[in-house]
Every structure is written in C-alpha cells, then in structure tokens.
Amino acid sequence: MEKNRLIEELRQADLFSRLDTDELVNLVAIARVLRLDSGDILFSAGDHAKGFYVLLEGKIKLYKISPDGKEYILRVVDGGQTFAEAAAFSGLAYPVFAESMGQCRLVYFDAGDFRNLIQKSPQLALNMIATMALLLQSLNQKIEDLSLREVAARLCRHLLSRARHQKGEAKDGTTFQLETTKSALAASLGTISETLSRTFKKLQQHGIVQVDGGNVTLLDCNQLEQIADGDLKL
C-alpha cells in the first residue's frame, strides 16, 4: 500500500511526470523516505553531495549564510519539487544549507543508483534536462530581480507568482497564503523584515493588497503588474 502511494506521489513531481508505471516502480525500489521536524537541517553547505531529494509534504528552505552571519534564502522548495540534483550529479559539495520549515516528508535518491536508472530510461534523462533548465531560468530571474528591481517590484512579482502557483491565476479578489514567514520572505527577496513590512503597508494604503496575518488578497492586479514591471513607483 505504501509503495502504491509513493508511486502516485512521485508521479506528481515534474521530474517523474512522464514516466510509465514500470519506470516508477523501479524508481521506488531505490527511494528512501525521510521525515523531518521543524528546524531540522537536512544538509549543510560544504557537505559532500551523494544524492538528491524530492519533497512530498511540507517546505524546505535552501539558504546561504554570509560572512557576517546574515541568512539569504535562495529558494523555498514546495511539495512535489526536487532539489540538490546539480550538486549530487556533479559529485561536489552541497553549496547551500537545507532546513525544514515545519514537518516534512521527502524521498532521498542516491546519485549512483539514480544514474543507473537514467541509463535505462531516455525519458527520465530528458526530464532531468528539462528540470535543470527550469531551475536555471528561475535562478537567472532571481539574479535579475536582485540586481535591477527595487524591493517593491520584487515583492509584487512574488505575490503575483504565488497567486498563480496556488490559485492558478492572479486576479482582483484572489486570496492566498504566504509560503513562509515574513522574515523568511524578506531574506528571499534580498531585504530586511522592516523594509518588507513598510512595503506591505504602502501596498495596503494604496488599496493594492490586503494582508491578514499570512493571508494576502490581491485588490488591484493592474497596479501590481505595473509596479512589478517597474512602470509604477510605490
């Protein structure tokens, strides 16, 4: 029963979505299911990368720590997403810390075992290439945002993206939950909590969003888009 459940859960991951049932059965045979409590460190920057992960439930933050001790979140991993593939297949070290943001359930794949499966499944190899390409595109977008966009533009882009991810669309009246605490969101946007709070307050004062704890309601998507694109200053 557990095996069948795991097959269906892995089928939902982008990396494995095009595999047939026999290929998924082979995948489950090399999978190791792990559980984490909130605040558990899965791996640290500099640890030797021997494998990668698929998050089934919960959230994992991937972050780096600057020389002065400041945490910078590079990515928040959601259920169904993979992470640490590049490090695992390069045979080098993990470049970031991975920490659970609540209780998590995930699957670990040993890089050597997975490499053997790839040699037997061209579709799995193609999926790996597509997943890596999407991750690279996402990281390039993050670099562009941090380099060229003000905090307000970064926040508006993030809110629009989260609305589309959670609700399938971003339109006036859409309500969704922030995926992290505001302090973690500030770190991921390359700013500090105080600046993020001021920006949220301005968005509310202008009637663009409504914030209630961790819930955000989009009130004026047209202005959100304009701020996100840099065509309107907050």
C-alpha atoms as a PDB file:
ATOM      1  CA  MET A   1       0.000   0.000   0.000  1.00  0.00           C
ATOM      2  CA  GLU A   2       2.817   2.366   0.943  1.00  0.00           C
ATOM      3  CA  LYS A   3       4.582   1.525  -2.318  1.00  0.00           C
ATOM      4  CA  ASN A   4       1.477   2.364  -4.374  1.00  0.00           C
ATOM      5  CA  ARG A   5       1.057   5.639  -2.514  1.00  0.00           C
ATOM      6  CA  LEU A   6       4.675   6.561  -3.150  1.00  0.00           C
ATOM      7  CA  ILE A   7       4.343   5.766  -6.858  1.00  0.00           C
ATOM      8  CA  GLU A   8       1.394   8.141  -7.161  1.00  0.00           C
ATOM      9  CA  GLU A   9       3.175  10.864  -5.173  1.00  0.00           C
ATOM     10  CA  LEU A  10       6.289  10.658  -7.335  1.00  0.00           C
ATOM     11  CA  ARG A  11       4.125  10.737 -10.452  1.00  0.00           C
ATOM     12  CA  GLN A  12       3.067  14.262  -9.387  1.00  0.00           C
ATOM     13  CA  ALA A  13       6.663  15.526  -9.401  1.00  0.00           C
ATOM     14  CA  ASP A  14       7.681  17.284 -12.615  1.00  0.00           C
ATOM     15  CA  LEU A  15      10.832  15.203 -12.824  1.00  0.00           C
ATOM     16  CA  PHE A  16       8.861  11.948 -12.984  1.00  0.00           C
ATOM     17  CA  SER A  17       5.544  13.040 -14.503  1.00  0.00           C
ATOM     18  CA  ARG A  18       6.170  11.451 -17.915  1.00  0.00           C
ATOM     19  CA  LEU A  19       7.367   8.086 -16.644  1.00  0.00           C
ATOM     20  CA  ASP A  20       5.245   4.968 -17.072  1.00  0.00           C
ATOM     21  CA  THR A  21       4.254   2.770 -14.134  1.00  0.00           C
ATOM     22  CA  ASP A  22       7.074   0.247 -14.625  1.00  0.00           C
ATOM     23  CA  GLU A  23       9.653   3.041 -14.542  1.00  0.00           C
ATOM     24  CA  LEU A  24       8.078   4.466 -11.384  1.00  0.00           C
ATOM     25  CA  VAL A  25       8.201   1.027  -9.757  1.00  0.00           C
ATOM     26  CA  ASN A  26      11.952   0.906 -10.484  1.00  0.00           C
ATOM     27  CA  LEU A  27      12.263   4.388  -9.025  1.00  0.00           C
ATOM     28  CA  VAL A  28      10.503   3.452  -5.787  1.00  0.00           C
ATOM     29  CA  ALA A  29      12.862   0.491  -5.425  1.00  0.00           C
ATOM     30  CA  ILE A  30      15.815   2.871  -4.873  1.00  0.00           C
ATOM     31  CA  ALA A  31      13.892   5.527  -2.920  1.00  0.00           C
ATOM     32  CA  ARG A  32      14.393   6.158   0.784  1.00  0.00           C
ATOM     33  CA  VAL A  33      11.593   8.000   2.594  1.00  0.00           C
ATOM     34  CA  LEU A  34      12.668  10.527   5.257  1.00  0.00           C
ATOM     35  CA  ARG A  35      10.757  12.615   7.789  1.00  0.00           C
ATOM     36  CA  LEU A  36      11.906  15.905   9.312  1.00  0.00           C
ATOM     37  CA  ASP A  37      10.668  18.064  12.162  1.00  0.00           C
ATOM     38  CA  SER A  38      10.603  21.848  12.004  1.00  0.00           C
ATOM     39  CA  GLY A  39      14.091  23.337  12.036  1.00  0.00           C
ATOM     40  CA  ASP A  40      15.909  20.109  11.157  1.00  0.00           C
ATOM     41  CA  ILE A  41      18.984  20.618   8.978  1.00  0.00           C
ATOM     42  CA  LEU A  42      18.923  18.134   6.109  1.00  0.00           C
ATOM     43  CA  PHE A  43      22.390  19.081   4.894  1.00  0.00           C
ATOM     44  CA  SER A  44      24.851  21.944   5.336  1.00  0.00           C
ATOM     45  CA  ALA A  45      26.853  23.944   2.825  1.00  0.00           C
ATOM     46  CA  GLY A  46      30.090  22.054   2.234  1.00  0.00           C
ATOM     47  CA  ASP A  47      28.696  18.584   2.931  1.00  0.00           C
ATOM     48  CA  HIS A  48      29.596  16.047   0.256  1.00  0.00           C
ATOM     49  CA  ALA A  49      26.630  15.604  -2.108  1.00  0.00           C
ATOM     50  CA  LYS A  50      25.845  11.925  -2.544  1.00  0.00           C
ATOM     51  CA  GLY A  51      22.225  12.219  -3.641  1.00  0.00           C
ATOM     52  CA  PHE A  52      19.204  14.452  -4.180  1.00  0.00           C
ATOM     53  CA  TYR A  53      15.681  14.798  -2.825  1.00  0.00           C
ATOM     54  CA  VAL A  54      12.016  15.011  -3.762  1.00  0.00           C
ATOM     55  CA  LEU A  55       9.835  16.849  -1.261  1.00  0.00           C
ATOM     56  CA  LEU A  56       6.467  15.145  -0.808  1.00  0.00           C
ATOM     57  CA  GLU A  57       4.988  17.200   2.050  1.00  0.00           C
ATOM     58  CA  GLY A  58       5.993  20.438   3.781  1.00  0.00           C
ATOM     59  CA  LYS A  59       8.514  23.105   2.836  1.00  0.00           C
ATOM     60  CA  ILE A  60      12.311  23.218   2.776  1.00  0.00           C
ATOM     61  CA  LYS A  61      14.334  26.415   2.630  1.00  0.00           C
ATOM     62  CA  LEU A  62      17.655  26.469   0.801  1.00  0.00           C
ATOM     63  CA  TYR A  63      19.887  29.254   2.032  1.00  0.00           C
ATOM     64  CA  LYS A  64      23.407  30.565   2.381  1.00  0.00           C
ATOM     65  CA  ILE A  65      24.970  32.417   5.294  1.00  0.00           C
ATOM     66  CA  SER A  66      27.104  35.482   4.618  1.00  0.00           C
ATOM     67  CA  PRO A  67      30.427  36.073   6.433  1.00  0.00           C
ATOM     68  CA  ASP A  68      28.619  38.451   8.815  1.00  0.00           C
ATOM     69  CA  GLY A  69      26.074  35.775   9.690  1.00  0.00           C
ATOM     70  CA  LYS A  70      23.142  37.027   7.595  1.00  0.00           C
ATOM     71  CA  GLU A  71      20.875  34.342   6.148  1.00  0.00           C
ATOM     72  CA  TYR A  72      19.908  34.646   2.492  1.00  0.00           C
ATOM     73  CA  ILE A  73      17.192  32.312   1.197  1.00  0.00           C
ATOM     74  CA  LEU A  74      17.787  31.224  -2.381  1.00  0.00           C
ATOM     75  CA  ARG A  75      14.702  29.057  -2.733  1.00  0.00           C
ATOM     76  CA  VAL A  76      11.754  27.657  -0.815  1.00  0.00           C
ATOM     77  CA  VAL A  77      11.030  24.114  -2.003  1.00  0.00           C
ATOM     78  CA  ASP A  78       7.355  23.100  -2.165  1.00  0.00           C
ATOM     79  CA  GLY A  79       5.787  19.640  -2.226  1.00  0.00           C
ATOM     80  CA  GLY A  80       6.402  17.807  -5.489  1.00  0.00           C
ATOM     81  CA  GLN A  81       9.637  19.655  -6.241  1.00  0.00           C
ATOM     82  CA  THR A  82      13.140  18.218  -6.448  1.00  0.00           C
ATOM     83  CA  PHE A  83      16.303  19.800  -5.105  1.00  0.00           C
ATOM     84  CA  ALA A  84      20.071  19.231  -4.861  1.00  0.00           C
ATOM     85  CA  GLU A  85      20.215  17.438  -8.242  1.00  0.00           C
ATOM     86  CA  ALA A  86      23.041  19.555  -9.643  1.00  0.00           C
ATOM     87  CA  ALA A  87      25.260  19.065  -6.600  1.00  0.00           C
ATOM     88  CA  ALA A  88      24.555  15.337  -6.469  1.00  0.00           C
ATOM     89  CA  PHE A  89      25.416  14.669 -10.103  1.00  0.00           C
ATOM     90  CA  SER A  90      28.470  16.927 -10.110  1.00  0.00           C
ATOM     91  CA  GLY A  91      29.941  14.870  -7.272  1.00  0.00           C
ATOM     92  CA  LEU A  92      30.840  18.053  -5.419  1.00  0.00           C
ATOM     93  CA  ALA A  93      29.569  19.583  -2.190  1.00  0.00           C
ATOM     94  CA  TYR A  94      26.146  20.999  -1.441  1.00  0.00           C
ATOM     95  CA  PRO A  95      26.518  24.779  -1.923  1.00  0.00           C
ATOM     96  CA  VAL A  96      23.686  25.683   0.493  1.00  0.00           C
ATOM     97  CA  PHE A  97      22.010  24.726   3.739  1.00  0.00           C
ATOM     98  CA  ALA A  98      18.681  22.851   3.591  1.00  0.00           C
ATOM     99  CA  GLU A  99      16.364  23.306   6.585  1.00  0.00           C
ATOM    100  CA  SER A 100      12.789  22.151   7.151  1.00  0.00           C
ATOM    101  CA  MET A 101      10.120  24.814   7.688  1.00  0.00           C
ATOM    102  CA  GLY A 102       7.742  22.588   9.622  1.00  0.00           C
ATOM    103  CA  GLN A 103       7.180  18.854   9.465  1.00  0.00           C
ATOM    104  CA  CYS A 104       8.330  17.400   6.151  1.00  0.00           C
ATOM    105  CA  ARG A 105       8.198  14.099   4.343  1.00  0.00           C
ATOM    106  CA  LEU A 106      10.616  13.572   1.494  1.00  0.00           C
ATOM    107  CA  VAL A 107      12.393  10.983  -0.611  1.00  0.00           C
ATOM    108  CA  TYR A 108      16.148  10.600  -0.989  1.00  0.00           C
ATOM    109  CA  PHE A 109      17.757   9.139  -4.121  1.00  0.00           C
ATOM    110  CA  ASP A 110      21.377   8.035  -4.148  1.00  0.00           C
ATOM    111  CA  ALA A 111      23.095   9.607  -7.173  1.00  0.00           C
ATOM    112  CA  GLY A 112      24.792   6.359  -8.228  1.00  0.00           C
ATOM    113  CA  ASP A 113      21.582   4.328  -8.106  1.00  0.00           C
ATOM    114  CA  PHE A 114      19.706   7.043  -9.964  1.00  0.00           C
ATOM    115  CA  ARG A 115      22.410   7.264 -12.634  1.00  0.00           C
ATOM    116  CA  ASN A 116      21.927   3.578 -13.347  1.00  0.00           C
ATOM    117  CA  LEU A 117      18.205   4.162 -13.900  1.00  0.00           C
ATOM    118  CA  ILE A 118      18.858   7.055 -16.264  1.00  0.00           C
ATOM    119  CA  GLN A 119      20.930   4.793 -18.489  1.00  0.00           C
ATOM    120  CA  LYS A 120      17.853   2.582 -18.915  1.00  0.00           C
ATOM    121  CA  SER A 121      15.281   5.375 -19.332  1.00  0.00           C
ATOM    122  CA  PRO A 122      15.749   8.069 -22.013  1.00  0.00           C
ATOM    123  CA  GLN A 123      12.559   9.777 -20.799  1.00  0.00           C
ATOM    124  CA  LEU A 124      13.998  10.168 -17.310  1.00  0.00           C
ATOM    125  CA  ALA A 125      17.135  11.714 -18.785  1.00  0.00           C
ATOM    126  CA  LEU A 126      15.039  14.186 -20.809  1.00  0.00           C
ATOM    127  CA  ASN A 127      13.033  15.075 -17.703  1.00  0.00           C
ATOM    128  CA  MET A 128      16.259  15.788 -15.814  1.00  0.00           C
ATOM    129  CA  ILE A 129      17.407  18.184 -18.539  1.00  0.00           C
ATOM    130  CA  ALA A 130      14.055  19.998 -18.548  1.00  0.00           C
ATOM    131  CA  THR A 131      14.021  20.303 -14.751  1.00  0.00           C
ATOM    132  CA  MET A 132      17.559  21.681 -14.657  1.00  0.00           C
ATOM    133  CA  ALA A 133      16.704  24.187 -17.390  1.00  0.00           C
ATOM    134  CA  LEU A 134      13.694  25.468 -15.427  1.00  0.00           C
ATOM    135  CA  LEU A 135      15.778  25.793 -12.259  1.00  0.00           C
ATOM    136  CA  LEU A 136      18.482  27.718 -14.131  1.00  0.00           C
ATOM    137  CA  GLN A 137      15.838  30.035 -15.569  1.00  0.00           C
ATOM    138  CA  SER A 138      14.445  30.639 -12.088  1.00  0.00           C
ATOM    139  CA  LEU A 139      17.868  31.440 -10.651  1.00  0.00           C
ATOM    140  CA  ASN A 140      18.655  33.795 -13.534  1.00  0.00           C
ATOM    141  CA  GLN A 141      15.366  35.598 -12.869  1.00  0.00           C
ATOM    142  CA  LYS A 142      16.269  35.917  -9.188  1.00  0.00           C
ATOM    143  CA  ILE A 143      19.654  37.420 -10.039  1.00  0.00           C
ATOM    144  CA  GLU A 144      17.988  39.875 -12.408  1.00  0.00           C
ATOM    145  CA  ASP A 145      15.426  40.872  -9.775  1.00  0.00           C
ATOM    146  CA  LEU A 146      18.051  41.445  -7.088  1.00  0.00           C
ATOM    147  CA  SER A 147      20.265  43.418  -9.461  1.00  0.00           C
ATOM    148  CA  LEU A 148      17.739  45.583 -11.287  1.00  0.00           C
ATOM    149  CA  ARG A 149      14.486  45.780  -9.322  1.00  0.00           C
ATOM    150  CA  GLU A 150      13.531  47.684  -6.195  1.00  0.00           C
ATOM    151  CA  VAL A 151      12.072  45.853  -3.186  1.00  0.00           C
ATOM    152  CA  ALA A 152       8.511  46.870  -4.101  1.00  0.00           C
ATOM    153  CA  ALA A 153       8.890  45.416  -7.595  1.00  0.00           C
ATOM    154  CA  ARG A 154      10.384  42.190  -6.230  1.00  0.00           C
ATOM    155  CA  LEU A 155       7.554  41.820  -3.716  1.00  0.00           C
ATOM    156  CA  CYS A 156       4.841  42.463  -6.314  1.00  0.00           C
ATOM    157  CA  ARG A 157       6.372  39.934  -8.692  1.00  0.00           C
ATOM    158  CA  HIS A 158       6.481  37.419  -5.865  1.00  0.00           C
ATOM    159  CA  LEU A 159       2.850  37.998  -4.863  1.00  0.00           C
ATOM    160  CA  LEU A 160       1.642  37.610  -8.435  1.00  0.00           C
ATOM    161  CA  SER A 161       3.710  34.442  -8.849  1.00  0.00           C
ATOM    162  CA  ARG A 162       2.413  32.901  -5.611  1.00  0.00           C
ATOM    163  CA  ALA A 163      -1.187  33.666  -6.548  1.00  0.00           C
ATOM    164  CA  ARG A 164      -0.735  31.913  -9.899  1.00  0.00           C
ATOM    165  CA  HIS A 165       1.041  28.976  -8.258  1.00  0.00           C
ATOM    166  CA  GLN A 166      -1.544  28.422  -5.517  1.00  0.00           C
ATOM    167  CA  LYS A 167      -4.761  29.513  -7.262  1.00  0.00           C
ATOM    168  CA  GLY A 168      -3.939  29.058 -10.936  1.00  0.00           C
ATOM    169  CA  GLU A 169      -4.434  32.764 -11.683  1.00  0.00           C
ATOM    170  CA  ALA A 170      -3.835  36.248 -10.332  1.00  0.00           C
ATOM    171  CA  LYS A 171      -6.896  38.485 -10.465  1.00  0.00           C
ATOM    172  CA  ASP A 172      -8.601  41.028  -8.220  1.00  0.00           C
ATOM    173  CA  GLY A 173     -10.048  39.250  -5.194  1.00  0.00           C
ATOM    174  CA  THR A 174      -7.615  36.313  -5.251  1.00  0.00           C
ATOM    175  CA  THR A 175      -6.640  35.285  -1.706  1.00  0.00           C
ATOM    176  CA  PHE A 176      -3.722  33.006  -0.887  1.00  0.00           C
ATOM    177  CA  GLN A 177      -1.288  32.189   1.888  1.00  0.00           C
ATOM    178  CA  LEU A 178       2.322  33.324   2.050  1.00  0.00           C
ATOM    179  CA  GLU A 179       4.508  30.231   1.841  1.00  0.00           C
ATOM    180  CA  THR A 180       6.935  31.423   4.537  1.00  0.00           C
ATOM    181  CA  THR A 181       7.153  33.758   7.485  1.00  0.00           C
ATOM    182  CA  LYS A 182       7.621  37.404   6.596  1.00  0.00           C
ATOM    183  CA  SER A 183      11.194  37.341   7.888  1.00  0.00           C
ATOM    184  CA  ALA A 184      11.990  34.391   5.602  1.00  0.00           C
ATOM    185  CA  LEU A 185      10.251  36.131   2.703  1.00  0.00           C
ATOM    186  CA  ALA A 186      12.316  39.257   3.328  1.00  0.00           C
ATOM    187  CA  ALA A 187      15.515  37.201   3.215  1.00  0.00           C
ATOM    188  CA  SER A 188      14.472  35.519  -0.038  1.00  0.00           C
ATOM    189  CA  LEU A 189      13.773  38.931  -1.610  1.00  0.00           C
ATOM    190  CA  GLY A 190      17.147  40.288  -0.563  1.00  0.00           C
ATOM    191  CA  THR A 191      15.876  42.771   2.013  1.00  0.00           C
ATOM    192  CA  ILE A 192      15.156  43.023   5.750  1.00  0.00           C
ATOM    193  CA  SER A 193      11.912  42.489   7.662  1.00  0.00           C
ATOM    194  CA  GLU A 194      11.435  46.194   8.433  1.00  0.00           C
ATOM    195  CA  THR A 195      11.674  47.170   4.766  1.00  0.00           C
ATOM    196  CA  LEU A 196       9.311  44.390   3.755  1.00  0.00           C
ATOM    197  CA  SER A 197       6.763  45.452   6.388  1.00  0.00           C
ATOM    198  CA  ARG A 198       6.898  49.069   5.179  1.00  0.00           C
ATOM    199  CA  THR A 199       6.380  47.918   1.601  1.00  0.00           C
ATOM    200  CA  PHE A 200       3.387  45.772   2.550  1.00  0.00           C
ATOM    201  CA  LYS A 201       1.952  48.744   4.462  1.00  0.00           C
ATOM    202  CA  LYS A 202       2.288  51.006   1.411  1.00  0.00           C
ATOM    203  CA  LEU A 203       0.588  48.423  -0.795  1.00  0.00           C
ATOM    204  CA  GLN A 204      -2.300  48.284   1.672  1.00  0.00           C
ATOM    205  CA  GLN A 205      -2.541  52.070   1.977  1.00  0.00           C
ATOM    206  CA  HIS A 206      -2.824  52.339  -1.801  1.00  0.00           C
ATOM    207  CA  GLY A 207      -5.573  49.700  -1.863  1.00  0.00           C
ATOM    208  CA  ILE A 208      -3.444  47.272  -3.907  1.00  0.00           C
ATOM    209  CA  VAL A 209      -3.414  44.329  -1.475  1.00  0.00           C
ATOM    210  CA  GLN A 210      -4.939  43.374   1.860  1.00  0.00           C
ATOM    211  CA  VAL A 211      -2.808  41.450   4.360  1.00  0.00           C
ATOM    212  CA  ASP A 212      -4.290  39.494   7.256  1.00  0.00           C
ATOM    213  CA  GLY A 213      -1.593  37.548   9.075  1.00  0.00           C
ATOM    214  CA  GLY A 214      -0.199  35.142   6.490  1.00  0.00           C
ATOM    215  CA  ASN A 215      -3.101  35.649   4.070  1.00  0.00           C
ATOM    216  CA  VAL A 216      -2.840  38.077   1.161  1.00  0.00           C
ATOM    217  CA  THR A 217      -5.722  39.298  -1.000  1.00  0.00           C
ATOM    218  CA  LEU A 218      -4.963  40.961  -4.318  1.00  0.00           C
ATOM    219  CA  LEU A 219      -7.149  44.042  -4.748  1.00  0.00           C
ATOM    220  CA  ASP A 220      -5.637  45.724  -7.816  1.00  0.00           C
ATOM    221  CA  CYS A 221      -3.652  43.385 -10.064  1.00  0.00           C
ATOM    222  CA  ASN A 222      -3.203  46.069 -12.707  1.00  0.00           C
ATOM    223  CA  GLN A 223      -1.186  48.232 -10.312  1.00  0.00           C
ATOM    224  CA  LEU A 224       0.651  45.165  -9.007  1.00  0.00           C
ATOM    225  CA  GLU A 225       1.754  44.341 -12.556  1.00  0.00           C
ATOM    226  CA  GLN A 226       2.858  47.912 -13.178  1.00  0.00           C
ATOM    227  CA  ILE A 227       4.950  48.018 -10.006  1.00  0.00           C
ATOM    228  CA  ALA A 228       6.396  44.583 -10.741  1.00  0.00           C
ATOM    229  CA  ASP A 229       7.441  45.728 -14.225  1.00  0.00           C
ATOM    230  CA  GLY A 230       8.928  48.986 -12.916  1.00  0.00           C
ATOM    231  CA  ASP A 231       6.349  51.112 -14.753  1.00  0.00           C
ATOM    232  CA  LEU A 232       4.879  52.457 -11.495  1.00  0.00           C
ATOM    233  CA  LYS A 233       6.674  53.556  -8.360  1.00  0.00           C
ATOM    234  CA  LEU A 234       5.129  52.821  -4.996  1.00  0.00           C
END
